[in-house]
Amino acid sequence: MAGAIIDSVQLTPTHDGETALVVSLRFANGGRSSVQIDAEGLRQVMAKARVGNALELVGQSWTVLDVLSPAFIGAKREERRI
């Protein structure tokens, strides 16, 4: 097993009253970690993993959690002319 697998998932309330998913990861060396995903991120994760239910994420590689593509900080923005 390379990397980590999703060991469990659980819904949790956030400080602003929304719901998030806590994803527990298990690494090959026995280590554990947790990641919290907001509703929009969860939709993207589920689409990437091709699942219809968050419980179906259990047993999958943690790579399905990598859905964000932040813009390169040093990237030059295109100027908009009016």
PDB file of N, CA and C in Angstrom:
ATOM      1  N   MET A   1       0.852  -1.176   0.000  1.00  0.00           N
ATOM      2  CA  MET A   1       0.000   0.000   0.000  1.00  0.00           C
ATOM      3  C   MET A   1       0.895   1.235   0.000  1.00  0.00           C
ATOM      4  N   ALA A   2       0.789   2.024  -1.031  1.00  0.00           N
ATOM      5  CA  ALA A   2       1.566   3.257  -1.124  1.00  0.00           C
ATOM      6  C   ALA A   2       0.763   4.401  -0.529  1.00  0.00           C
ATOM      7  N   GLY A   3       1.420   5.282   0.202  1.00  0.00           N
ATOM      8  CA  GLY A   3       0.720   6.420   0.786  1.00  0.00           C
ATOM      9  C   GLY A   3      -0.186   6.002   1.914  1.00  0.00           C
ATOM     10  N   ALA A   4      -1.427   6.429   1.848  1.00  0.00           N
ATOM     11  CA  ALA A   4      -2.392   6.135   2.902  1.00  0.00           C
ATOM     12  C   ALA A   4      -3.718   5.742   2.272  1.00  0.00           C
ATOM     13  N   ILE A   5      -4.552   5.105   3.080  1.00  0.00           N
ATOM     14  CA  ILE A   5      -5.905   4.811   2.634  1.00  0.00           C
ATOM     15  C   ILE A   5      -6.885   5.491   3.576  1.00  0.00           C
ATOM     16  N   ILE A   6      -8.080   5.714   3.069  1.00  0.00           N
ATOM     17  CA  ILE A   6      -9.141   6.293   3.879  1.00  0.00           C
ATOM     18  C   ILE A   6      -9.678   5.183   4.767  1.00  0.00           C
ATOM     19  N   ASP A   7      -9.559   5.394   6.068  1.00  0.00           N
ATOM     20  CA  ASP A   7      -9.922   4.378   7.057  1.00  0.00           C
ATOM     21  C   ASP A   7     -11.352   4.537   7.548  1.00  0.00           C
ATOM     22  N   SER A   8     -11.814   5.777   7.677  1.00  0.00           N
ATOM     23  CA  SER A   8     -13.181   6.033   8.114  1.00  0.00           C
ATOM     24  C   SER A   8     -13.575   7.454   7.756  1.00  0.00           C
ATOM     25  N   VAL A   9     -14.878   7.699   7.749  1.00  0.00           N
ATOM     26  CA  VAL A   9     -15.413   9.049   7.510  1.00  0.00           C
ATOM     27  C   VAL A   9     -16.499   9.314   8.540  1.00  0.00           C
ATOM     28  N   GLN A  10     -16.645  10.579   8.908  1.00  0.00           N
ATOM     29  CA  GLN A  10     -17.654  10.952   9.897  1.00  0.00           C
ATOM     30  C   GLN A  10     -18.056  12.400   9.675  1.00  0.00           C
ATOM     31  N   LEU A  11     -19.348  12.683   9.726  1.00  0.00           N
ATOM     32  CA  LEU A  11     -19.818  14.059   9.624  1.00  0.00           C
ATOM     33  C   LEU A  11     -19.564  14.784  10.934  1.00  0.00           C
ATOM     34  N   THR A  12     -19.271  16.072  10.825  1.00  0.00           N
ATOM     35  CA  THR A  12     -19.037  16.892  12.013  1.00  0.00           C
ATOM     36  C   THR A  12     -19.546  18.310  11.748  1.00  0.00           C
ATOM     37  N   PRO A  13     -20.071  18.990  12.774  1.00  0.00           N
ATOM     38  CA  PRO A  13     -20.472  20.382  12.597  1.00  0.00           C
ATOM     39  C   PRO A  13     -19.232  21.285  12.629  1.00  0.00           C
ATOM     40  N   THR A  14     -19.299  22.369  11.897  1.00  0.00           N
ATOM     41  CA  THR A  14     -18.213  23.345  11.923  1.00  0.00           C
ATOM     42  C   THR A  14     -18.597  24.487  12.851  1.00  0.00           C
ATOM     43  N   HIS A  15     -17.647  25.377  13.103  1.00  0.00           N
ATOM     44  CA  HIS A  15     -17.905  26.489  14.017  1.00  0.00           C
ATOM     45  C   HIS A  15     -18.959  27.454  13.490  1.00  0.00           C
ATOM     46  N   ASP A  16     -19.195  27.452  12.160  1.00  0.00           N
ATOM     47  CA  ASP A  16     -20.198  28.352  11.610  1.00  0.00           C
ATOM     48  C   ASP A  16     -21.521  27.648  11.310  1.00  0.00           C
ATOM     49  N   GLY A  17     -21.718  26.456  11.898  1.00  0.00           N
ATOM     50  CA  GLY A  17     -22.989  25.764  11.781  1.00  0.00           C
ATOM     51  C   GLY A  17     -23.184  24.943  10.531  1.00  0.00           C
ATOM     52  N   GLU A  18     -22.163  24.818   9.717  1.00  0.00           N
ATOM     53  CA  GLU A  18     -22.256  23.986   8.526  1.00  0.00           C
ATOM     54  C   GLU A  18     -21.772  22.581   8.863  1.00  0.00           C
ATOM     55  N   THR A  19     -21.884  21.684   7.902  1.00  0.00           N
ATOM     56  CA  THR A  19     -21.436  20.316   8.105  1.00  0.00           C
ATOM     57  C   THR A  19     -20.181  20.065   7.285  1.00  0.00           C
ATOM     58  N   ALA A  20     -19.240  19.342   7.876  1.00  0.00           N
ATOM     59  CA  ALA A  20     -18.018  18.950   7.177  1.00  0.00           C
ATOM     60  C   ALA A  20     -17.831  17.451   7.376  1.00  0.00           C
ATOM     61  N   LEU A  21     -16.958  16.873   6.571  1.00  0.00           N
ATOM     62  CA  LEU A  21     -16.650  15.456   6.691  1.00  0.00           C
ATOM     63  C   LEU A  21     -15.238  15.318   7.231  1.00  0.00           C
ATOM     64  N   VAL A  22     -15.080  14.547   8.301  1.00  0.00           N
ATOM     65  CA  VAL A  22     -13.763  14.241   8.832  1.00  0.00           C
ATOM     66  C   VAL A  22     -13.346  12.903   8.229  1.00  0.00           C
ATOM     67  N   VAL A  23     -12.226  12.913   7.533  1.00  0.00           N
ATOM     68  CA  VAL A  23     -11.702  11.721   6.875  1.00  0.00           C
ATOM     69  C   VAL A  23     -10.486  11.255   7.662  1.00  0.00           C
ATOM     70  N   SER A  24     -10.531  10.039   8.168  1.00  0.00           N
ATOM     71  CA  SER A  24      -9.401   9.461   8.899  1.00  0.00           C
ATOM     72  C   SER A  24      -8.557   8.644   7.932  1.00  0.00           C
ATOM     73  N   LEU A  25      -7.250   8.900   7.964  1.00  0.00           N
ATOM     74  CA  LEU A  25      -6.315   8.216   7.074  1.00  0.00           C
ATOM     75  C   LEU A  25      -5.436   7.263   7.867  1.00  0.00           C
ATOM     76  N   ARG A  26      -5.110   6.131   7.270  1.00  0.00           N
ATOM     77  CA  ARG A  26      -4.196   5.169   7.874  1.00  0.00           C
ATOM     78  C   ARG A  26      -3.030   4.959   6.917  1.00  0.00           C
ATOM     79  N   PHE A  27      -1.819   5.181   7.419  1.00  0.00           N
ATOM     80  CA  PHE A  27      -0.610   5.040   6.610  1.00  0.00           C
ATOM     81  C   PHE A  27      -0.027   3.638   6.758  1.00  0.00           C
ATOM     82  N   ALA A  28       0.772   3.239   5.786  1.00  0.00           N
ATOM     83  CA  ALA A  28       1.364   1.901   5.770  1.00  0.00           C
ATOM     84  C   ALA A  28       2.210   1.631   7.016  1.00  0.00           C
ATOM     85  N   ASN A  29       2.832   2.673   7.575  1.00  0.00           N
ATOM     86  CA  ASN A  29       3.689   2.500   8.755  1.00  0.00           C
ATOM     87  C   ASN A  29       2.899   2.499  10.065  1.00  0.00           C
ATOM     88  N   GLY A  30       1.558   2.524   9.967  1.00  0.00           N
ATOM     89  CA  GLY A  30       0.720   2.513  11.161  1.00  0.00           C
ATOM     90  C   GLY A  30       0.283   3.890  11.608  1.00  0.00           C
ATOM     91  N   GLY A  31       0.833   4.923  11.012  1.00  0.00           N
ATOM     92  CA  GLY A  31       0.459   6.290  11.380  1.00  0.00           C
ATOM     93  C   GLY A  31      -0.964   6.617  10.980  1.00  0.00           C
ATOM     94  N   ARG A  32      -1.534   7.582  11.655  1.00  0.00           N
ATOM     95  CA  ARG A  32      -2.909   8.002  11.381  1.00  0.00           C
ATOM     96  C   ARG A  32      -2.957   9.527  11.309  1.00  0.00           C
ATOM     97  N   SER A  33      -3.906  10.019  10.553  1.00  0.00           N
ATOM     98  CA  SER A  33      -4.112  11.448  10.419  1.00  0.00           C
ATOM     99  C   SER A  33      -5.574  11.682  10.058  1.00  0.00           C
ATOM    100  N   SER A  34      -6.038  12.903  10.258  1.00  0.00           N
ATOM    101  CA  SER A  34      -7.411  13.261   9.894  1.00  0.00           C
ATOM    102  C   SER A  34      -7.405  14.527   9.062  1.00  0.00           C
ATOM    103  N   VAL A  35      -8.364  14.605   8.161  1.00  0.00           N
ATOM    104  CA  VAL A  35      -8.531  15.764   7.288  1.00  0.00           C
ATOM    105  C   VAL A  35     -10.006  16.153   7.334  1.00  0.00           C
ATOM    106  N   GLN A  36     -10.283  17.437   7.434  1.00  0.00           N
ATOM    107  CA  GLN A  36     -11.662  17.916   7.410  1.00  0.00           C
ATOM    108  C   GLN A  36     -11.951  18.521   6.045  1.00  0.00           C
ATOM    109  N   ILE A  37     -13.076  18.139   5.448  1.00  0.00           N
ATOM    110  CA  ILE A  37     -13.438  18.594   4.112  1.00  0.00           C
ATOM    111  C   ILE A  37     -14.806  19.264   4.172  1.00  0.00           C
ATOM    112  N   ASP A  38     -14.902  20.463   3.603  1.00  0.00           N
ATOM    113  CA  ASP A  38     -16.184  21.168   3.581  1.00  0.00           C
ATOM    114  C   ASP A  38     -17.097  20.568   2.506  1.00  0.00           C
ATOM    115  N   ALA A  39     -18.340  21.032   2.456  1.00  0.00           N
ATOM    116  CA  ALA A  39     -19.343  20.459   1.559  1.00  0.00           C
ATOM    117  C   ALA A  39     -18.931  20.540   0.088  1.00  0.00           C
ATOM    118  N   GLU A  40     -18.418  21.679  -0.347  1.00  0.00           N
ATOM    119  CA  GLU A  40     -18.008  21.819  -1.751  1.00  0.00           C
ATOM    120  C   GLU A  40     -16.838  20.899  -2.068  1.00  0.00           C
ATOM    121  N   GLY A  41     -15.868  20.846  -1.167  1.00  0.00           N
ATOM    122  CA  GLY A  41     -14.738  19.943  -1.361  1.00  0.00           C
ATOM    123  C   GLY A  41     -15.183  18.493  -1.414  1.00  0.00           C
ATOM    124  N   LEU A  42     -16.165  18.139  -0.588  1.00  0.00           N
ATOM    125  CA  LEU A  42     -16.666  16.766  -0.569  1.00  0.00           C
ATOM    126  C   LEU A  42     -17.306  16.409  -1.901  1.00  0.00           C
ATOM    127  N   ARG A  43     -18.058  17.340  -2.480  1.00  0.00           N
ATOM    128  CA  ARG A  43     -18.654  17.077  -3.797  1.00  0.00           C
ATOM    129  C   ARG A  43     -17.570  16.780  -4.820  1.00  0.00           C
ATOM    130  N   GLN A  44     -16.485  17.544  -4.782  1.00  0.00           N
ATOM    131  CA  GLN A  44     -15.386  17.342  -5.724  1.00  0.00           C
ATOM    132  C   GLN A  44     -14.672  16.011  -5.480  1.00  0.00           C
ATOM    133  N   VAL A  45     -14.458  15.674  -4.213  1.00  0.00           N
ATOM    134  CA  VAL A  45     -13.810  14.406  -3.861  1.00  0.00           C
ATOM    135  C   VAL A  45     -14.657  13.234  -4.332  1.00  0.00           C
ATOM    136  N   MET A  46     -15.967  13.290  -4.075  1.00  0.00           N
ATOM    137  CA  MET A  46     -16.838  12.200  -4.463  1.00  0.00           C
ATOM    138  C   MET A  46     -16.899  12.041  -5.981  1.00  0.00           C
ATOM    139  N   ALA A  47     -16.860  13.156  -6.700  1.00  0.00           N
ATOM    140  CA  ALA A  47     -16.843  13.083  -8.165  1.00  0.00           C
ATOM    141  C   ALA A  47     -15.546  12.442  -8.645  1.00  0.00           C
ATOM    142  N   LYS A  48     -14.417  12.844  -8.061  1.00  0.00           N
ATOM    143  CA  LYS A  48     -13.130  12.279  -8.455  1.00  0.00           C
ATOM    144  C   LYS A  48     -13.061  10.783  -8.153  1.00  0.00           C
ATOM    145  N   ALA A  49     -13.630  10.388  -7.018  1.00  0.00           N
ATOM    146  CA  ALA A  49     -13.612   8.980  -6.613  1.00  0.00           C
ATOM    147  C   ALA A  49     -14.718   8.171  -7.301  1.00  0.00           C
ATOM    148  N   ARG A  50     -15.617   8.868  -7.982  1.00  0.00           N
ATOM    149  CA  ARG A  50     -16.752   8.228  -8.662  1.00  0.00           C
ATOM    150  C   ARG A  50     -17.612   7.415  -7.697  1.00  0.00           C
ATOM    151  N   VAL A  51     -17.978   8.065  -6.592  1.00  0.00           N
ATOM    152  CA  VAL A  51     -18.852   7.430  -5.602  1.00  0.00           C
ATOM    153  C   VAL A  51     -20.078   8.316  -5.382  1.00  0.00           C
ATOM    154  N   GLY A  52     -21.158   7.708  -4.950  1.00  0.00           N
ATOM    155  CA  GLY A  52     -22.384   8.443  -4.695  1.00  0.00           C
ATOM    156  C   GLY A  52     -22.664   8.646  -3.224  1.00  0.00           C
ATOM    157  N   ASN A  53     -21.804   8.075  -2.368  1.00  0.00           N
ATOM    158  CA  ASN A  53     -22.010   8.133  -0.929  1.00  0.00           C
ATOM    159  C   ASN A  53     -20.638   8.269  -0.277  1.00  0.00           C
ATOM    160  N   ALA A  54     -20.523   9.139   0.713  1.00  0.00           N
ATOM    161  CA  ALA A  54     -19.233   9.371   1.364  1.00  0.00           C
ATOM    162  C   ALA A  54     -18.665   8.098   1.994  1.00  0.00           C
ATOM    163  N   LEU A  55     -19.530   7.191   2.435  1.00  0.00           N
ATOM    164  CA  LEU A  55     -19.050   5.936   3.029  1.00  0.00           C
ATOM    165  C   LEU A  55     -18.264   5.091   2.022  1.00  0.00           C
ATOM    166  N   GLU A  56     -18.537   5.277   0.743  1.00  0.00           N
ATOM    167  CA  GLU A  56     -17.827   4.533  -0.299  1.00  0.00           C
ATOM    168  C   GLU A  56     -16.375   4.990  -0.459  1.00  0.00           C
ATOM    169  N   LEU A  57     -15.998   6.073   0.204  1.00  0.00           N
ATOM    170  CA  LEU A  57     -14.606   6.535   0.172  1.00  0.00           C
ATOM    171  C   LEU A  57     -13.703   5.638   1.020  1.00  0.00           C
ATOM    172  N   VAL A  58     -14.278   4.960   2.010  1.00  0.00           N
ATOM    173  CA  VAL A  58     -13.493   4.090   2.898  1.00  0.00           C
ATOM    174  C   VAL A  58     -12.835   2.989   2.063  1.00  0.00           C
ATOM    175  N   GLY A  59     -11.515   2.845   2.275  1.00  0.00           N
ATOM    176  CA  GLY A  59     -10.737   1.856   1.544  1.00  0.00           C
ATOM    177  C   GLY A  59     -10.040   2.407   0.314  1.00  0.00           C
ATOM    178  N   GLN A  60     -10.392   3.627  -0.089  1.00  0.00           N
ATOM    179  CA  GLN A  60      -9.757   4.229  -1.257  1.00  0.00           C
ATOM    180  C   GLN A  60      -8.461   4.938  -0.861  1.00  0.00           C
ATOM    181  N   SER A  61      -7.615   5.146  -1.845  1.00  0.00           N
ATOM    182  CA  SER A  61      -6.367   5.874  -1.636  1.00  0.00           C
ATOM    183  C   SER A  61      -6.665   7.322  -1.257  1.00  0.00           C
ATOM    184  N   TRP A  62      -5.815   7.881  -0.446  1.00  0.00           N
ATOM    185  CA  TRP A  62      -5.995   9.280  -0.042  1.00  0.00           C
ATOM    186  C   TRP A  62      -5.839  10.243  -1.208  1.00  0.00           C
ATOM    187  N   THR A  63      -5.334   9.783  -2.341  1.00  0.00           N
ATOM    188  CA  THR A  63      -5.146  10.657  -3.498  1.00  0.00           C
ATOM    189  C   THR A  63      -6.472  11.195  -4.028  1.00  0.00           C
ATOM    190  N   VAL A  64      -7.597  10.541  -3.711  1.00  0.00           N
ATOM    191  CA  VAL A  64      -8.889  11.070  -4.164  1.00  0.00           C
ATOM    192  C   VAL A  64      -9.230  12.381  -3.451  1.00  0.00           C
ATOM    193  N   LEU A  65      -8.530  12.680  -2.365  1.00  0.00           N
ATOM    194  CA  LEU A  65      -8.774  13.926  -1.629  1.00  0.00           C
ATOM    195  C   LEU A  65      -8.119  15.130  -2.293  1.00  0.00           C
ATOM    196  N   ASP A  66      -7.218  14.897  -3.227  1.00  0.00           N
ATOM    197  CA  ASP A  66      -6.466  15.974  -3.874  1.00  0.00           C
ATOM    198  C   ASP A  66      -7.289  16.546  -5.028  1.00  0.00           C
ATOM    199  N   VAL A  67      -8.171  17.485  -4.718  1.00  0.00           N
ATOM    200  CA  VAL A  67      -9.053  18.051  -5.729  1.00  0.00           C
ATOM    201  C   VAL A  67      -8.827  19.539  -5.974  1.00  0.00           C
ATOM    202  N   LEU A  68      -8.099  20.201  -5.120  1.00  0.00           N
ATOM    203  CA  LEU A  68      -7.887  21.640  -5.287  1.00  0.00           C
ATOM    204  C   LEU A  68      -6.693  21.907  -6.177  1.00  0.00           C
ATOM    205  N   SER A  69      -6.839  22.897  -7.016  1.00  0.00           N
ATOM    206  CA  SER A  69      -5.757  23.301  -7.908  1.00  0.00           C
ATOM    207  C   SER A  69      -5.479  24.778  -7.695  1.00  0.00           C
ATOM    208  N   PRO A  70      -4.783  25.129  -6.640  1.00  0.00           N
ATOM    209  CA  PRO A  70      -4.544  26.560  -6.413  1.00  0.00           C
ATOM    210  C   PRO A  70      -3.667  27.149  -7.510  1.00  0.00           C
ATOM    211  N   ALA A  71      -3.969  28.388  -7.863  1.00  0.00           N
ATOM    212  CA  ALA A  71      -3.168  29.073  -8.869  1.00  0.00           C
ATOM    213  C   ALA A  71      -1.758  29.297  -8.340  1.00  0.00           C
ATOM    214  N   PHE A  72      -0.799  29.209  -9.205  1.00  0.00           N
ATOM    215  CA  PHE A  72       0.584  29.463  -8.829  1.00  0.00           C
ATOM    216  C   PHE A  72       0.695  30.887  -8.326  1.00  0.00           C
ATOM    217  N   ILE A  73       1.260  31.058  -7.160  1.00  0.00           N
ATOM    218  CA  ILE A  73       1.313  32.367  -6.506  1.00  0.00           C
ATOM    219  C   ILE A  73       2.061  33.389  -7.347  1.00  0.00           C
ATOM    220  N   GLY A  74       3.103  32.966  -8.029  1.00  0.00           N
ATOM    221  CA  GLY A  74       3.895  33.894  -8.822  1.00  0.00           C
ATOM    222  C   GLY A  74       3.377  34.104 -10.223  1.00  0.00           C
ATOM    223  N   ALA A  75       2.247  33.489 -10.573  1.00  0.00           N
ATOM    224  CA  ALA A  75       1.726  33.600 -11.937  1.00  0.00           C
ATOM    225  C   ALA A  75       1.296  35.035 -12.233  1.00  0.00           C
ATOM    226  N   LYS A  76       1.630  35.479 -13.415  1.00  0.00           N
ATOM    227  CA  LYS A  76       1.257  36.824 -13.840  1.00  0.00           C
ATOM    228  C   LYS A  76      -0.202  36.818 -14.280  1.00  0.00           C
ATOM    229  N   ARG A  77      -0.970  37.742 -13.754  1.00  0.00           N
ATOM    230  CA  ARG A  77      -2.384  37.837 -14.138  1.00  0.00           C
ATOM    231  C   ARG A  77      -2.512  38.656 -15.405  1.00  0.00           C
ATOM    232  N   GLU A  78      -3.470  38.237 -16.208  1.00  0.00           N
ATOM    233  CA  GLU A  78      -3.732  38.947 -17.439  1.00  0.00           C
ATOM    234  C   GLU A  78      -4.415  40.281 -17.098  1.00  0.00           C
ATOM    235  N   GLU A  79      -3.931  41.356 -17.686  1.00  0.00           N
ATOM    236  CA  GLU A  79      -4.559  42.647 -17.440  1.00  0.00           C
ATOM    237  C   GLU A  79      -5.841  42.748 -18.228  1.00  0.00           C
ATOM    238  N   ARG A  80      -6.846  43.297 -17.602  1.00  0.00           N
ATOM    239  CA  ARG A  80      -8.132  43.470 -18.272  1.00  0.00           C
ATOM    240  C   ARG A  80      -8.263  44.912 -18.697  1.00  0.00           C
ATOM    241  N   ARG A  81      -8.498  45.125 -19.986  1.00  0.00           N
ATOM    242  CA  ARG A  81      -8.645  46.495 -20.493  1.00  0.00           C
ATOM    243  C   ARG A  81     -10.100  46.779 -20.802  1.00  0.00           C
ATOM    244  N   ILE A  82     -10.514  47.966 -20.404  1.00  0.00           N
ATOM    245  CA  ILE A  82     -11.921  48.360 -20.611  1.00  0.00           C
ATOM    246  C   ILE A  82     -12.011  49.406 -21.682  1.00  0.00           C
TER     247      ILE A  82
END
